[in-house]
Amino acid sequence: MTTGTLKWNFILSGIVSVLTFMFSFLNNLLVESLIRSLVVFGVFFFIIIVAQVVIRQTLGTVLLPHEEGVGPGQHINLVTPEETSMSPVETGTDQQRRAEGDFAGFSPNDFPRVARNESSALDPEEIAQALRVFSDE
């Protein structure tokens, strides 16, 4: 648990405690309002800590000790995914030949043909009748 987290726990618990004191003071004595606000402060502080622990365990974001010498921003990955598949000795023609092999079966305007059964000839009257039936619905 970090110091910043405890600071926010105290701030939130203090706000809830002050609100409890203000609303309790309207109907109760000063001492009873103070006791209630202190109890609410403790309960709310405990609930926040338990909720933080549960959320961190559930999400798996428990702070682990950092490796020595490796901090944020200390490592830069200079290899892109495209570069990982190429060996350093490949020339431009080797790369072009490999790229052409990847897309050898590709043609942008090659649409599959719809097979039509020639034995069932479509009668224009039947098509018109079907369109009339569907347009009425």
C-alpha atoms as a PDB file:
ATOM      1  CA  MET A   1       0.000   0.000   0.000  1.00  0.00           C
ATOM      2  CA  THR A   2       1.523   3.283  -1.047  1.00  0.00           C
ATOM      3  CA  THR A   3       1.524   6.586   0.796  1.00  0.00           C
ATOM      4  CA  GLY A   4      -0.578   8.263  -1.891  1.00  0.00           C
ATOM      5  CA  THR A   5      -3.263   5.619  -1.532  1.00  0.00           C
ATOM      6  CA  LEU A   6      -3.435   6.108   2.232  1.00  0.00           C
ATOM      7  CA  LYS A   7      -3.632   9.860   1.722  1.00  0.00           C
ATOM      8  CA  TRP A   8      -6.675   9.478  -0.541  1.00  0.00           C
ATOM      9  CA  ASN A   9      -8.230   7.017   1.919  1.00  0.00           C
ATOM     10  CA  PHE A  10      -7.882   9.614   4.696  1.00  0.00           C
ATOM     11  CA  ILE A  11      -9.296  12.370   2.481  1.00  0.00           C
ATOM     12  CA  LEU A  12     -12.339  10.353   1.378  1.00  0.00           C
ATOM     13  CA  SER A  13     -12.993   9.058   4.890  1.00  0.00           C
ATOM     14  CA  GLY A  14     -12.652  12.591   6.267  1.00  0.00           C
ATOM     15  CA  ILE A  15     -15.178  13.936   3.768  1.00  0.00           C
ATOM     16  CA  VAL A  16     -17.676  11.206   4.672  1.00  0.00           C
ATOM     17  CA  SER A  17     -17.001  11.823   8.368  1.00  0.00           C
ATOM     18  CA  VAL A  18     -17.604  15.578   8.057  1.00  0.00           C
ATOM     19  CA  LEU A  19     -20.827  14.989   6.117  1.00  0.00           C
ATOM     20  CA  THR A  20     -21.974  12.515   8.758  1.00  0.00           C
ATOM     21  CA  PHE A  21     -21.173  15.002  11.519  1.00  0.00           C
ATOM     22  CA  MET A  22     -23.096  17.778   9.757  1.00  0.00           C
ATOM     23  CA  PHE A  23     -26.221  15.679   9.168  1.00  0.00           C
ATOM     24  CA  SER A  24     -26.050  14.081  12.616  1.00  0.00           C
ATOM     25  CA  PHE A  25     -25.564  17.420  14.414  1.00  0.00           C
ATOM     26  CA  LEU A  26     -28.951  18.621  13.183  1.00  0.00           C
ATOM     27  CA  ASN A  27     -30.782  15.969  15.248  1.00  0.00           C
ATOM     28  CA  ASN A  28     -28.293  14.909  17.964  1.00  0.00           C
ATOM     29  CA  LEU A  29     -26.039  16.361  20.655  1.00  0.00           C
ATOM     30  CA  LEU A  30     -22.463  17.459  19.882  1.00  0.00           C
ATOM     31  CA  VAL A  31     -20.767  14.490  21.604  1.00  0.00           C
ATOM     32  CA  GLU A  32     -23.042  11.925  19.954  1.00  0.00           C
ATOM     33  CA  SER A  33     -22.440  13.528  16.537  1.00  0.00           C
ATOM     34  CA  LEU A  34     -18.658  13.426  17.082  1.00  0.00           C
ATOM     35  CA  ILE A  35     -18.776   9.760  18.122  1.00  0.00           C
ATOM     36  CA  ARG A  36     -20.885   8.852  15.089  1.00  0.00           C
ATOM     37  CA  SER A  37     -18.590  10.742  12.714  1.00  0.00           C
ATOM     38  CA  LEU A  38     -15.483   9.028  14.177  1.00  0.00           C
ATOM     39  CA  VAL A  39     -17.137   5.602  13.870  1.00  0.00           C
ATOM     40  CA  VAL A  40     -18.109   6.338  10.269  1.00  0.00           C
ATOM     41  CA  PHE A  41     -14.541   7.520   9.579  1.00  0.00           C
ATOM     42  CA  GLY A  42     -13.088   4.227  10.828  1.00  0.00           C
ATOM     43  CA  VAL A  43     -15.639   2.023   9.087  1.00  0.00           C
ATOM     44  CA  PHE A  44     -15.359   3.863   5.779  1.00  0.00           C
ATOM     45  CA  PHE A  45     -11.534   3.841   5.955  1.00  0.00           C
ATOM     46  CA  PHE A  46     -11.572   0.073   6.573  1.00  0.00           C
ATOM     47  CA  ILE A  47     -14.082  -0.542   3.756  1.00  0.00           C
ATOM     48  CA  ILE A  48     -11.957   1.445   1.284  1.00  0.00           C
ATOM     49  CA  ILE A  49      -8.804  -0.511   2.183  1.00  0.00           C
ATOM     50  CA  VAL A  50     -10.602  -3.869   1.879  1.00  0.00           C
ATOM     51  CA  ALA A  51     -12.132  -2.818  -1.458  1.00  0.00           C
ATOM     52  CA  GLN A  52      -8.720  -1.789  -2.796  1.00  0.00           C
ATOM     53  CA  VAL A  53      -7.157  -5.096  -1.809  1.00  0.00           C
ATOM     54  CA  VAL A  54     -10.004  -7.083  -3.364  1.00  0.00           C
ATOM     55  CA  ILE A  55      -9.900  -5.078  -6.586  1.00  0.00           C
ATOM     56  CA  ARG A  56      -6.129  -5.393  -6.871  1.00  0.00           C
ATOM     57  CA  GLN A  57      -6.276  -9.146  -6.292  1.00  0.00           C
ATOM     58  CA  THR A  58      -9.147  -9.539  -8.746  1.00  0.00           C
ATOM     59  CA  LEU A  59      -7.507  -7.520 -11.501  1.00  0.00           C
ATOM     60  CA  GLY A  60      -4.069  -8.933 -10.787  1.00  0.00           C
ATOM     61  CA  THR A  61      -2.443  -5.551 -10.500  1.00  0.00           C
ATOM     62  CA  VAL A  62      -0.639  -6.112  -7.231  1.00  0.00           C
ATOM     63  CA  LEU A  63       2.482  -3.991  -7.278  1.00  0.00           C
ATOM     64  CA  LEU A  64       5.498  -6.227  -7.710  1.00  0.00           C
ATOM     65  CA  PRO A  65       9.008  -5.122  -6.805  1.00  0.00           C
ATOM     66  CA  HIS A  66      10.790  -3.623  -9.816  1.00  0.00           C
ATOM     67  CA  GLU A  67      13.815  -5.284 -11.339  1.00  0.00           C
ATOM     68  CA  GLU A  68      17.017  -3.503 -10.499  1.00  0.00           C
ATOM     69  CA  GLY A  69      18.286  -1.224 -13.245  1.00  0.00           C
ATOM     70  CA  VAL A  70      15.121  -1.536 -15.316  1.00  0.00           C
ATOM     71  CA  GLY A  71      12.637   1.246 -14.797  1.00  0.00           C
ATOM     72  CA  PRO A  72       9.908   2.669 -16.916  1.00  0.00           C
ATOM     73  CA  GLY A  73      11.269   4.060 -20.163  1.00  0.00           C
ATOM     74  CA  GLN A  74      14.578   2.223 -19.912  1.00  0.00           C
ATOM     75  CA  HIS A  75      13.930  -0.359 -22.654  1.00  0.00           C
ATOM     76  CA  ILE A  76      13.162   0.469 -26.283  1.00  0.00           C
ATOM     77  CA  ASN A  77      12.064  -2.244 -28.697  1.00  0.00           C
ATOM     78  CA  LEU A  78      13.648  -1.354 -32.033  1.00  0.00           C
ATOM     79  CA  VAL A  79      12.297  -4.382 -33.941  1.00  0.00           C
ATOM     80  CA  THR A  80       8.978  -4.100 -35.729  1.00  0.00           C
ATOM     81  CA  PRO A  81       6.880  -7.167 -36.555  1.00  0.00           C
ATOM     82  CA  GLU A  82       7.708  -6.861 -40.261  1.00  0.00           C
ATOM     83  CA  GLU A  83      11.420  -6.996 -39.529  1.00  0.00           C
ATOM     84  CA  THR A  84      11.232 -10.137 -37.414  1.00  0.00           C
ATOM     85  CA  SER A  85      10.338 -12.378 -40.363  1.00  0.00           C
ATOM     86  CA  MET A  86      13.244 -11.152 -42.531  1.00  0.00           C
ATOM     87  CA  SER A  87      16.754 -12.356 -42.075  1.00  0.00           C
ATOM     88  CA  PRO A  88      19.448  -9.671 -42.141  1.00  0.00           C
ATOM     89  CA  VAL A  89      21.053 -11.111 -45.323  1.00  0.00           C
ATOM     90  CA  GLU A  90      17.922 -10.897 -47.491  1.00  0.00           C
ATOM     91  CA  THR A  91      18.244  -8.560 -50.424  1.00  0.00           C
ATOM     92  CA  GLY A  92      15.524  -6.533 -52.093  1.00  0.00           C
ATOM     93  CA  THR A  93      14.890  -9.209 -54.742  1.00  0.00           C
ATOM     94  CA  ASP A  94      14.533 -11.920 -52.088  1.00  0.00           C
ATOM     95  CA  GLN A  95      12.018  -9.785 -50.225  1.00  0.00           C
ATOM     96  CA  GLN A  96      10.073  -9.078 -53.422  1.00  0.00           C
ATOM     97  CA  ARG A  97      10.039 -12.770 -54.381  1.00  0.00           C
ATOM     98  CA  ARG A  98       8.796 -13.733 -50.918  1.00  0.00           C
ATOM     99  CA  ALA A  99       6.095 -11.029 -51.032  1.00  0.00           C
ATOM    100  CA  GLU A 100       4.958 -12.216 -54.464  1.00  0.00           C
ATOM    101  CA  GLY A 101       4.706 -15.753 -53.093  1.00  0.00           C
ATOM    102  CA  ASP A 102       2.445 -14.567 -50.286  1.00  0.00           C
ATOM    103  CA  PHE A 103      -0.013 -12.962 -52.709  1.00  0.00           C
ATOM    104  CA  ALA A 104       0.285 -15.391 -55.628  1.00  0.00           C
ATOM    105  CA  GLY A 105      -3.343 -16.578 -55.388  1.00  0.00           C
ATOM    106  CA  PHE A 106      -4.817 -13.109 -54.914  1.00  0.00           C
ATOM    107  CA  SER A 107      -6.693 -11.271 -57.618  1.00  0.00           C
ATOM    108  CA  PRO A 108      -8.829  -8.293 -56.588  1.00  0.00           C
ATOM    109  CA  ASN A 109     -11.703  -8.696 -59.084  1.00  0.00           C
ATOM    110  CA  ASP A 110     -12.039 -12.463 -59.183  1.00  0.00           C
ATOM    111  CA  PHE A 111     -15.608 -13.090 -58.064  1.00  0.00           C
ATOM    112  CA  PRO A 112     -16.979 -16.624 -57.860  1.00  0.00           C
ATOM    113  CA  ARG A 113     -19.578 -17.509 -60.463  1.00  0.00           C
ATOM    114  CA  VAL A 114     -23.064 -18.378 -59.336  1.00  0.00           C
ATOM    115  CA  ALA A 115     -24.034 -21.783 -60.624  1.00  0.00           C
ATOM    116  CA  ARG A 116     -27.387 -21.756 -62.371  1.00  0.00           C
ATOM    117  CA  ASN A 117     -29.372 -24.825 -63.132  1.00  0.00           C
ATOM    118  CA  GLU A 118     -30.252 -24.544 -66.826  1.00  0.00           C
ATOM    119  CA  SER A 119     -33.062 -27.076 -66.569  1.00  0.00           C
ATOM    120  CA  SER A 120     -35.205 -24.709 -64.535  1.00  0.00           C
ATOM    121  CA  ALA A 121     -35.895 -21.816 -66.868  1.00  0.00           C
ATOM    122  CA  LEU A 122     -37.247 -18.753 -65.135  1.00  0.00           C
ATOM    123  CA  ASP A 123     -40.528 -17.544 -66.480  1.00  0.00           C
ATOM    124  CA  PRO A 124     -40.865 -13.720 -66.423  1.00  0.00           C
ATOM    125  CA  GLU A 125     -44.547 -14.056 -65.517  1.00  0.00           C
ATOM    126  CA  GLU A 126     -43.676 -16.108 -62.398  1.00  0.00           C
ATOM    127  CA  ILE A 127     -41.053 -13.541 -61.355  1.00  0.00           C
ATOM    128  CA  ALA A 128     -43.523 -10.668 -61.836  1.00  0.00           C
ATOM    129  CA  GLN A 129     -46.165 -12.537 -59.835  1.00  0.00           C
ATOM    130  CA  ALA A 130     -43.685 -13.175 -57.000  1.00  0.00           C
ATOM    131  CA  LEU A 131     -42.730  -9.485 -56.918  1.00  0.00           C
ATOM    132  CA  ARG A 132     -46.398  -8.476 -56.786  1.00  0.00           C
ATOM    133  CA  VAL A 133     -47.023 -10.841 -53.873  1.00  0.00           C
ATOM    134  CA  PHE A 134     -44.027  -9.556 -51.899  1.00  0.00           C
ATOM    135  CA  SER A 135     -44.767  -5.902 -52.617  1.00  0.00           C
ATOM    136  CA  ASP A 136     -48.300  -6.261 -51.218  1.00  0.00           C
ATOM    137  CA  GLU A 137     -47.045  -7.567 -47.858  1.00  0.00           C
END
